[in-house]
């Protein structure tokens, strides 16, 4: 969509923005946009940190018990262990 813009298009766009907002308000507008972008990046970083903390706090899947170094599967509701019996 924006790939078709060339230098003249951007120049005309800047002129329209200058006419709409005036030269006096442009620095304040740019500052406001910069602050908003900074806040947005901070919130995104915080969300990523929280999700990684949640993953770290999540308990590992309980697959069974360990007895003398061997993993014993947890019994299922039907009484089977889910693994084939060892001879």
PDB file of N, CA and C in Angstrom:
ATOM      1  N   UNK A   1       0.833  -1.183   0.000  1.00  0.00           N
ATOM      2  CA  UNK A   1       0.000   0.000   0.000  1.00  0.00           C
ATOM      3  C   UNK A   1       0.880   1.249   0.000  1.00  0.00           C
ATOM      4  N   UNK A   2       1.836   1.332   0.900  1.00  0.00           N
ATOM      5  CA  UNK A   2       2.703   2.502   0.956  1.00  0.00           C
ATOM      6  C   UNK A   2       3.906   2.357   0.044  1.00  0.00           C
ATOM      7  N   UNK A   3       4.052   1.225  -0.594  1.00  0.00           N
ATOM      8  CA  UNK A   3       5.185   0.993  -1.471  1.00  0.00           C
ATOM      9  C   UNK A   3       5.149   1.847  -2.730  1.00  0.00           C
ATOM     10  N   UNK A   4       3.968   2.351  -3.089  1.00  0.00           N
ATOM     11  CA  UNK A   4       3.834   3.152  -4.298  1.00  0.00           C
ATOM     12  C   UNK A   4       4.152   4.621  -4.071  1.00  0.00           C
ATOM     13  N   UNK A   5       4.464   5.014  -2.849  1.00  0.00           N
ATOM     14  CA  UNK A   5       4.773   6.418  -2.573  1.00  0.00           C
ATOM     15  C   UNK A   5       6.180   6.736  -3.041  1.00  0.00           C
ATOM     16  N   UNK A   6       6.316   7.880  -3.692  1.00  0.00           N
ATOM     17  CA  UNK A   6       7.653   8.333  -4.051  1.00  0.00           C
ATOM     18  C   UNK A   6       7.905   9.680  -3.374  1.00  0.00           C
ATOM     19  N   UNK A   7       8.984  10.328  -3.697  1.00  0.00           N
ATOM     20  CA  UNK A   7       9.365  11.579  -3.045  1.00  0.00           C
ATOM     21  C   UNK A   7       8.331  12.679  -3.177  1.00  0.00           C
ATOM     22  N   UNK A   8       7.721  12.789  -4.356  1.00  0.00           N
ATOM     23  CA  UNK A   8       6.720  13.845  -4.553  1.00  0.00           C
ATOM     24  C   UNK A   8       5.488  13.607  -3.690  1.00  0.00           C
ATOM     25  N   UNK A   9       5.076  12.376  -3.576  1.00  0.00           N
ATOM     26  CA  UNK A   9       3.909  12.064  -2.743  1.00  0.00           C
ATOM     27  C   UNK A   9       4.171  12.449  -1.288  1.00  0.00           C
ATOM     28  N   UNK A  10       5.346  12.120  -0.798  1.00  0.00           N
ATOM     29  CA  UNK A  10       5.686  12.447   0.587  1.00  0.00           C
ATOM     30  C   UNK A  10       5.759  13.951   0.795  1.00  0.00           C
ATOM     31  N   UNK A  11       6.289  14.675  -0.188  1.00  0.00           N
ATOM     32  CA  UNK A  11       6.373  16.128  -0.096  1.00  0.00           C
ATOM     33  C   UNK A  11       4.985  16.755  -0.052  1.00  0.00           C
ATOM     34  N   UNK A  12       4.081  16.270  -0.871  1.00  0.00           N
ATOM     35  CA  UNK A  12       2.703  16.777  -0.871  1.00  0.00           C
ATOM     36  C   UNK A  12       2.022  16.427   0.447  1.00  0.00           C
ATOM     37  N   UNK A  13       2.245  15.242   0.946  1.00  0.00           N
ATOM     38  CA  UNK A  13       1.665  14.826   2.225  1.00  0.00           C
ATOM     39  C   UNK A  13       2.152  15.718   3.365  1.00  0.00           C
ATOM     40  N   UNK A  14       3.434  16.021   3.392  1.00  0.00           N
ATOM     41  CA  UNK A  14       3.975  16.919   4.419  1.00  0.00           C
ATOM     42  C   UNK A  14       3.384  18.320   4.301  1.00  0.00           C
ATOM     43  N   UNK A  15       3.174  18.803   3.076  1.00  0.00           N
ATOM     44  CA  UNK A  15       2.576  20.125   2.875  1.00  0.00           C
ATOM     45  C   UNK A  15       1.142  20.154   3.394  1.00  0.00           C
ATOM     46  N   UNK A  16       0.389  19.099   3.160  1.00  0.00           N
ATOM     47  CA  UNK A  16      -0.995  19.032   3.650  1.00  0.00           C
ATOM     48  C   UNK A  16      -1.013  19.009   5.173  1.00  0.00           C
ATOM     49  N   UNK A  17      -0.124  18.246   5.779  1.00  0.00           N
ATOM     50  CA  UNK A  17      -0.044  18.201   7.245  1.00  0.00           C
ATOM     51  C   UNK A  17       0.322  19.567   7.794  1.00  0.00           C
ATOM     52  N   UNK A  18       1.242  20.250   7.136  1.00  0.00           N
ATOM     53  CA  UNK A  18       1.639  21.590   7.562  1.00  0.00           C
ATOM     54  C   UNK A  18       0.466  22.554   7.478  1.00  0.00           C
ATOM     55  N   UNK A  19      -0.338  22.452   6.429  1.00  0.00           N
ATOM     56  CA  UNK A  19      -1.504  23.325   6.289  1.00  0.00           C
ATOM     57  C   UNK A  19      -2.570  23.014   7.339  1.00  0.00           C
ATOM     58  N   UNK A  20      -2.767  21.739   7.629  1.00  0.00           N
ATOM     59  CA  UNK A  20      -3.803  21.356   8.591  1.00  0.00           C
ATOM     60  C   UNK A  20      -3.442  21.744  10.021  1.00  0.00           C
ATOM     61  N   UNK A  21      -2.221  21.484  10.435  1.00  0.00           N
ATOM     62  CA  UNK A  21      -1.855  21.690  11.831  1.00  0.00           C
ATOM     63  C   UNK A  21      -1.115  22.991  12.079  1.00  0.00           C
ATOM     64  N   UNK A  22      -0.526  23.576  11.083  1.00  0.00           N
ATOM     65  CA  UNK A  22       0.222  24.808  11.268  1.00  0.00           C
ATOM     66  C   UNK A  22       1.628  24.526  11.752  1.00  0.00           C
ATOM     67  N   UNK A  23       2.524  25.453  11.454  1.00  0.00           N
ATOM     68  CA  UNK A  23       3.933  25.267  11.788  1.00  0.00           C
ATOM     69  C   UNK A  23       4.167  25.280  13.290  1.00  0.00           C
ATOM     70  N   UNK A  24       3.359  26.008  14.037  1.00  0.00           N
ATOM     71  CA  UNK A  24       3.564  26.121  15.483  1.00  0.00           C
ATOM     72  C   UNK A  24       3.231  24.814  16.210  1.00  0.00           C
ATOM     73  N   UNK A  25       2.274  24.053  15.692  1.00  0.00           N
ATOM     74  CA  UNK A  25       1.838  22.843  16.389  1.00  0.00           C
ATOM     75  C   UNK A  25       2.606  21.594  15.971  1.00  0.00           C
ATOM     76  N   UNK A  26       3.378  21.650  14.905  1.00  0.00           N
ATOM     77  CA  UNK A  26       4.093  20.457  14.429  1.00  0.00           C
ATOM     78  C   UNK A  26       5.100  19.904  15.433  1.00  0.00           C
ATOM     79  N   UNK A  27       5.923  20.724  16.099  1.00  0.00           N
ATOM     80  CA  UNK A  27       6.847  20.141  17.087  1.00  0.00           C
ATOM     81  C   UNK A  27       6.124  19.437  18.233  1.00  0.00           C
ATOM     82  N   UNK A  28       5.033  20.027  18.705  1.00  0.00           N
ATOM     83  CA  UNK A  28       4.265  19.394  19.783  1.00  0.00           C
ATOM     84  C   UNK A  28       3.634  18.092  19.299  1.00  0.00           C
ATOM     85  N   UNK A  29       3.173  18.091  18.060  1.00  0.00           N
ATOM     86  CA  UNK A  29       2.574  16.885  17.491  1.00  0.00           C
ATOM     87  C   UNK A  29       3.620  15.772  17.359  1.00  0.00           C
ATOM     88  N   UNK A  30       4.807  16.124  16.885  1.00  0.00           N
ATOM     89  CA  UNK A  30       5.880  15.134  16.747  1.00  0.00           C
ATOM     90  C   UNK A  30       6.301  14.591  18.109  1.00  0.00           C
ATOM     91  N   UNK A  31       6.363  15.462  19.118  1.00  0.00           N
ATOM     92  CA  UNK A  31       6.723  15.025  20.465  1.00  0.00           C
ATOM     93  C   UNK A  31       5.676  14.060  21.011  1.00  0.00           C
ATOM     94  N   UNK A  32       4.414  14.372  20.783  1.00  0.00           N
ATOM     95  CA  UNK A  32       3.328  13.520  21.258  1.00  0.00           C
ATOM     96  C   UNK A  32       3.373  12.144  20.589  1.00  0.00           C
ATOM     97  N   UNK A  33       3.632  12.126  19.300  1.00  0.00           N
ATOM     98  CA  UNK A  33       3.724  10.848  18.583  1.00  0.00           C
ATOM     99  C   UNK A  33       4.906  10.032  19.105  1.00  0.00           C
ATOM    100  N   UNK A  34       6.025  10.689  19.357  1.00  0.00           N
ATOM    101  CA  UNK A  34       7.198   9.999  19.891  1.00  0.00           C
ATOM    102  C   UNK A  34       6.948   9.409  21.266  1.00  0.00           C
ATOM    103  N   UNK A  35       6.273  10.176  22.128  1.00  0.00           N
ATOM    104  CA  UNK A  35       5.959   9.671  23.470  1.00  0.00           C
ATOM    105  C   UNK A  35       5.004   8.489  23.392  1.00  0.00           C
ATOM    106  N   UNK A  36       4.023   8.576  22.511  1.00  0.00           N
ATOM    107  CA  UNK A  36       3.070   7.474  22.364  1.00  0.00           C
ATOM    108  C   UNK A  36       3.773   6.210  21.889  1.00  0.00           C
ATOM    109  N   UNK A  37       4.685   6.355  20.943  1.00  0.00           N
ATOM    110  CA  UNK A  37       5.430   5.193  20.445  1.00  0.00           C
ATOM    111  C   UNK A  37       6.296   4.598  21.549  1.00  0.00           C
ATOM    112  N   UNK A  38       6.899   5.444  22.368  1.00  0.00           N
ATOM    113  CA  UNK A  38       7.747   4.967  23.469  1.00  0.00           C
ATOM    114  C   UNK A  38       6.911   4.190  24.488  1.00  0.00           C
ATOM    115  N   UNK A  39       5.732   4.721  24.826  1.00  0.00           N
ATOM    116  CA  UNK A  39       4.844   4.040  25.777  1.00  0.00           C
ATOM    117  C   UNK A  39       4.396   2.698  25.200  1.00  0.00           C
ATOM    118  N   UNK A  40       4.059   2.689  23.924  1.00  0.00           N
ATOM    119  CA  UNK A  40       3.615   1.450  23.277  1.00  0.00           C
ATOM    120  C   UNK A  40       4.709   0.389  23.317  1.00  0.00           C
ATOM    121  N   UNK A  41       5.941   0.765  22.986  1.00  0.00           N
ATOM    122  CA  UNK A  41       7.057  -0.191  23.029  1.00  0.00           C
ATOM    123  C   UNK A  41       7.283  -0.699  24.449  1.00  0.00           C
ATOM    124  N   UNK A  42       7.154   0.191  25.438  1.00  0.00           N
ATOM    125  CA  UNK A  42       7.327  -0.222  26.832  1.00  0.00           C
ATOM    126  C   UNK A  42       6.273  -1.227  27.260  1.00  0.00           C
ATOM    127  N   UNK A  43       5.028  -0.989  26.852  1.00  0.00           N
ATOM    128  CA  UNK A  43       3.946  -1.916  27.194  1.00  0.00           C
ATOM    129  C   UNK A  43       4.146  -3.269  26.512  1.00  0.00           C
ATOM    130  N   UNK A  44       4.578  -3.255  25.265  1.00  0.00           N
ATOM    131  CA  UNK A  44       4.824  -4.513  24.563  1.00  0.00           C
ATOM    132  C   UNK A  44       5.945  -5.300  25.240  1.00  0.00           C
ATOM    133  N   UNK A  45       7.003  -4.612  25.647  1.00  0.00           N
ATOM    134  CA  UNK A  45       8.117  -5.277  26.324  1.00  0.00           C
ATOM    135  C   UNK A  45       7.652  -5.868  27.649  1.00  0.00           C
ATOM    136  N   UNK A  46       6.820  -5.113  28.378  1.00  0.00           N
ATOM    137  CA  UNK A  46       6.310  -5.592  29.662  1.00  0.00           C
ATOM    138  C   UNK A  46       5.437  -6.829  29.461  1.00  0.00           C
ATOM    139  N   UNK A  47       4.595  -6.826  28.428  1.00  0.00           N
ATOM    140  CA  UNK A  47       3.748  -7.986  28.163  1.00  0.00           C
ATOM    141  C   UNK A  47       4.591  -9.212  27.826  1.00  0.00           C
ATOM    142  N   UNK A  48       5.665  -9.028  27.052  1.00  0.00           N
ATOM    143  CA  UNK A  48       6.532 -10.152  26.704  1.00  0.00           C
ATOM    144  C   UNK A  48       7.233 -10.694  27.940  1.00  0.00           C
ATOM    145  N   UNK A  49       7.670  -9.809  28.838  1.00  0.00           N
ATOM    146  CA  UNK A  49       8.324 -10.252  30.069  1.00  0.00           C
ATOM    147  C   UNK A  49       7.352 -11.017  30.951  1.00  0.00           C
ATOM    148  N   UNK A  50       6.102 -10.529  31.044  1.00  0.00           N
ATOM    149  CA  UNK A  50       5.106 -11.215  31.864  1.00  0.00           C
ATOM    150  C   UNK A  50       4.790 -12.593  31.297  1.00  0.00           C
ATOM    151  N   UNK A  51       4.693 -12.699  29.973  1.00  0.00           N
ATOM    152  CA  UNK A  51       4.382 -14.006  29.390  1.00  0.00           C
ATOM    153  C   UNK A  51       5.539 -14.981  29.586  1.00  0.00           C
ATOM    154  N   UNK A  52       6.781 -14.486  29.531  1.00  0.00           N
ATOM    155  CA  UNK A  52       7.911 -15.388  29.767  1.00  0.00           C
ATOM    156  C   UNK A  52       7.981 -15.799  31.235  1.00  0.00           C
ATOM    157  N   UNK A  53       7.596 -14.896  32.151  1.00  0.00           N
ATOM    158  CA  UNK A  53       7.549 -15.251  33.571  1.00  0.00           C
ATOM    159  C   UNK A  53       6.464 -16.286  33.819  1.00  0.00           C
ATOM    160  N   UNK A  54       5.309 -16.137  33.147  1.00  0.00           N
ATOM    161  CA  UNK A  54       4.230 -17.106  33.305  1.00  0.00           C
ATOM    162  C   UNK A  54       4.667 -18.482  32.818  1.00  0.00           C
ATOM    163  N   UNK A  55       5.402 -18.527  31.708  1.00  0.00           N
ATOM    164  CA  UNK A  55       5.892 -19.805  31.192  1.00  0.00           C
ATOM    165  C   UNK A  55       6.874 -20.437  32.170  1.00  0.00           C
ATOM    166  N   UNK A  56       7.698 -19.615  32.807  1.00  0.00           N
ATOM    167  CA  UNK A  56       8.681 -20.146  33.756  1.00  0.00           C
ATOM    168  C   UNK A  56       8.002 -20.669  35.018  1.00  0.00           C
ATOM    169  N   UNK A  57       6.903 -20.033  35.420  1.00  0.00           N
ATOM    170  CA  UNK A  57       6.195 -20.447  36.633  1.00  0.00           C
ATOM    171  C   UNK A  57       5.290 -21.645  36.396  1.00  0.00           C
ATOM    172  N   UNK A  58       4.964 -21.925  35.133  1.00  0.00           N
ATOM    173  CA  UNK A  58       4.050 -23.020  34.821  1.00  0.00           C
ATOM    174  C   UNK A  58       4.706 -24.337  35.226  1.00  0.00           C
ATOM    175  N   UNK A  59       3.994 -25.163  35.989  1.00  0.00           N
ATOM    176  CA  UNK A  59       4.599 -26.435  36.406  1.00  0.00           C
ATOM    177  C   UNK A  59       4.774 -27.367  35.210  1.00  0.00           C
ATOM    178  N   UNK A  60       5.777 -28.198  35.301  1.00  0.00           N
ATOM    179  CA  UNK A  60       6.027 -29.175  34.240  1.00  0.00           C
ATOM    180  C   UNK A  60       4.900 -30.195  34.235  1.00  0.00           C
ATOM    181  N   UNK A  61       4.663 -30.785  33.100  1.00  0.00           N
ATOM    182  CA  UNK A  61       3.608 -31.788  32.994  1.00  0.00           C
ATOM    183  C   UNK A  61       3.953 -32.968  33.894  1.00  0.00           C
ATOM    184  N   UNK A  62       2.982 -33.379  34.691  1.00  0.00           N
ATOM    185  CA  UNK A  62       3.191 -34.485  35.619  1.00  0.00           C
ATOM    186  C   UNK A  62       2.926 -35.784  34.871  1.00  0.00           C
ATOM    187  N   UNK A  63       3.992 -36.438  34.452  1.00  0.00           N
ATOM    188  CA  UNK A  63       3.833 -37.649  33.651  1.00  0.00           C
ATOM    189  C   UNK A  63       3.898 -38.913  34.479  1.00  0.00           C
ATOM    190  N   UNK A  64       4.386 -38.817  35.664  1.00  0.00           N
ATOM    191  CA  UNK A  64       4.475 -40.022  36.475  1.00  0.00           C
ATOM    192  C   UNK A  64       5.379 -39.811  37.666  1.00  0.00           C
ATOM    193  N   UNK A  65       5.833 -40.897  38.223  1.00  0.00           N
ATOM    194  CA  UNK A  65       6.665 -40.879  39.414  1.00  0.00           C
ATOM    195  C   UNK A  65       8.008 -41.518  39.100  1.00  0.00           C
ATOM    196  N   UNK A  66       9.004 -41.157  39.861  1.00  0.00           N
ATOM    197  CA  UNK A  66      10.321 -41.767  39.697  1.00  0.00           C
ATOM    198  C   UNK A  66      10.610 -42.620  40.916  1.00  0.00           C
ATOM    199  N   UNK A  67      10.957 -43.866  40.679  1.00  0.00           N
ATOM    200  CA  UNK A  67      11.256 -44.803  41.748  1.00  0.00           C
ATOM    201  C   UNK A  67      12.543 -45.523  41.375  1.00  0.00           C
ATOM    202  N   UNK A  68      13.570 -45.349  42.187  1.00  0.00           N
ATOM    203  CA  UNK A  68      14.877 -45.961  41.935  1.00  0.00           C
ATOM    204  C   UNK A  68      15.402 -45.627  40.538  1.00  0.00           C
ATOM    205  N   UNK A  69      15.199 -44.397  40.107  1.00  0.00           N
ATOM    206  CA  UNK A  69      15.708 -43.952  38.817  1.00  0.00           C
ATOM    207  C   UNK A  69      14.849 -44.333  37.632  1.00  0.00           C
ATOM    208  N   UNK A  70      13.743 -45.057  37.838  1.00  0.00           N
ATOM    209  CA  UNK A  70      12.853 -45.432  36.740  1.00  0.00           C
ATOM    210  C   UNK A  70      11.576 -44.619  36.846  1.00  0.00           C
ATOM    211  N   UNK A  71      11.086 -44.159  35.699  1.00  0.00           N
ATOM    212  CA  UNK A  71       9.840 -43.401  35.683  1.00  0.00           C
ATOM    213  C   UNK A  71       8.677 -44.363  35.589  1.00  0.00           C
ATOM    214  N   UNK A  72       7.749 -44.210  36.497  1.00  0.00           N
ATOM    215  CA  UNK A  72       6.554 -45.040  36.522  1.00  0.00           C
ATOM    216  C   UNK A  72       5.403 -44.145  36.099  1.00  0.00           C
ATOM    217  N   UNK A  73       4.668 -44.564  35.053  1.00  0.00           N
ATOM    218  CA  UNK A  73       3.555 -43.761  34.561  1.00  0.00           C
ATOM    219  C   UNK A  73       2.460 -43.673  35.603  1.00  0.00           C
ATOM    220  N   UNK A  74       1.788 -42.527  35.592  1.00  0.00           N
ATOM    221  CA  UNK A  74       0.651 -42.330  36.472  1.00  0.00           C
ATOM    222  C   UNK A  74      -0.502 -43.204  35.988  1.00  0.00           C
ATOM    223  N   UNK A  75      -1.240 -43.839  36.870  1.00  0.00           N
ATOM    224  CA  UNK A  75      -2.382 -44.648  36.425  1.00  0.00           C
ATOM    225  C   UNK A  75      -3.465 -43.770  35.814  1.00  0.00           C
ATOM    226  N   UNK A  76      -4.074 -44.267  34.742  1.00  0.00           N
ATOM    227  CA  UNK A  76      -5.180 -43.546  34.114  1.00  0.00           C
ATOM    228  C   UNK A  76      -6.465 -43.898  34.841  1.00  0.00           C
ATOM    229  N   UNK A  77      -7.553 -43.276  34.441  1.00  0.00           N
ATOM    230  CA  UNK A  77      -8.840 -43.491  35.094  1.00  0.00           C
ATOM    231  C   UNK A  77      -9.307 -44.936  34.957  1.00  0.00           C
ATOM    232  N   UNK A  78      -8.931 -45.612  33.861  1.00  0.00           N
ATOM    233  CA  UNK A  78      -9.376 -46.990  33.670  1.00  0.00           C
ATOM    234  C   UNK A  78      -8.466 -48.007  34.359  1.00  0.00           C
ATOM    235  N   UNK A  79      -7.455 -47.524  35.073  1.00  0.00           N
ATOM    236  CA  UNK A  79      -6.580 -48.406  35.822  1.00  0.00           C
ATOM    237  C   UNK A  79      -5.304 -48.776  35.099  1.00  0.00           C
ATOM    238  N   UNK A  80      -5.224 -48.481  33.801  1.00  0.00           N
ATOM    239  CA  UNK A  80      -4.001 -48.822  33.066  1.00  0.00           C
ATOM    240  C   UNK A  80      -2.979 -47.711  33.238  1.00  0.00           C
ATOM    241  N   UNK A  81      -1.723 -48.035  32.992  1.00  0.00           N
ATOM    242  CA  UNK A  81      -0.664 -47.041  33.130  1.00  0.00           C
ATOM    243  C   UNK A  81      -0.344 -46.376  31.809  1.00  0.00           C
ATOM    244  N   UNK A  82      -0.828 -46.880  30.711  1.00  0.00           N
ATOM    245  CA  UNK A  82      -0.585 -46.285  29.412  1.00  0.00           C
ATOM    246  C   UNK A  82       0.675 -46.780  28.750  1.00  0.00           C
ATOM    247  N   UNK A  83       1.479 -47.550  29.444  1.00  0.00           N
ATOM    248  CA  UNK A  83       2.686 -48.092  28.824  1.00  0.00           C
ATOM    249  C   UNK A  83       2.573 -49.605  28.797  1.00  0.00           C
ATOM    250  N   UNK A  84       3.344 -50.199  27.921  1.00  0.00           N
ATOM    251  CA  UNK A  84       3.291 -51.651  27.828  1.00  0.00           C
ATOM    252  C   UNK A  84       4.006 -52.261  29.028  1.00  0.00           C
ATOM    253  N   UNK A  85       3.535 -53.373  29.518  1.00  0.00           N
ATOM    254  CA  UNK A  85       4.177 -54.003  30.686  1.00  0.00           C
ATOM    255  C   UNK A  85       5.562 -54.513  30.321  1.00  0.00           C
ATOM    256  N   UNK A  86       6.472 -54.402  31.268  1.00  0.00           N
ATOM    257  CA  UNK A  86       7.831 -54.872  31.044  1.00  0.00           C
ATOM    258  C   UNK A  86       7.957 -56.296  31.559  1.00  0.00           C
ATOM    259  N   UNK A  87       8.712 -57.117  30.851  1.00  0.00           N
ATOM    260  CA  UNK A  87       8.861 -58.517  31.239  1.00  0.00           C
ATOM    261  C   UNK A  87      10.054 -58.721  32.115  1.00  0.00           C
TER     262      UNK A  87
END
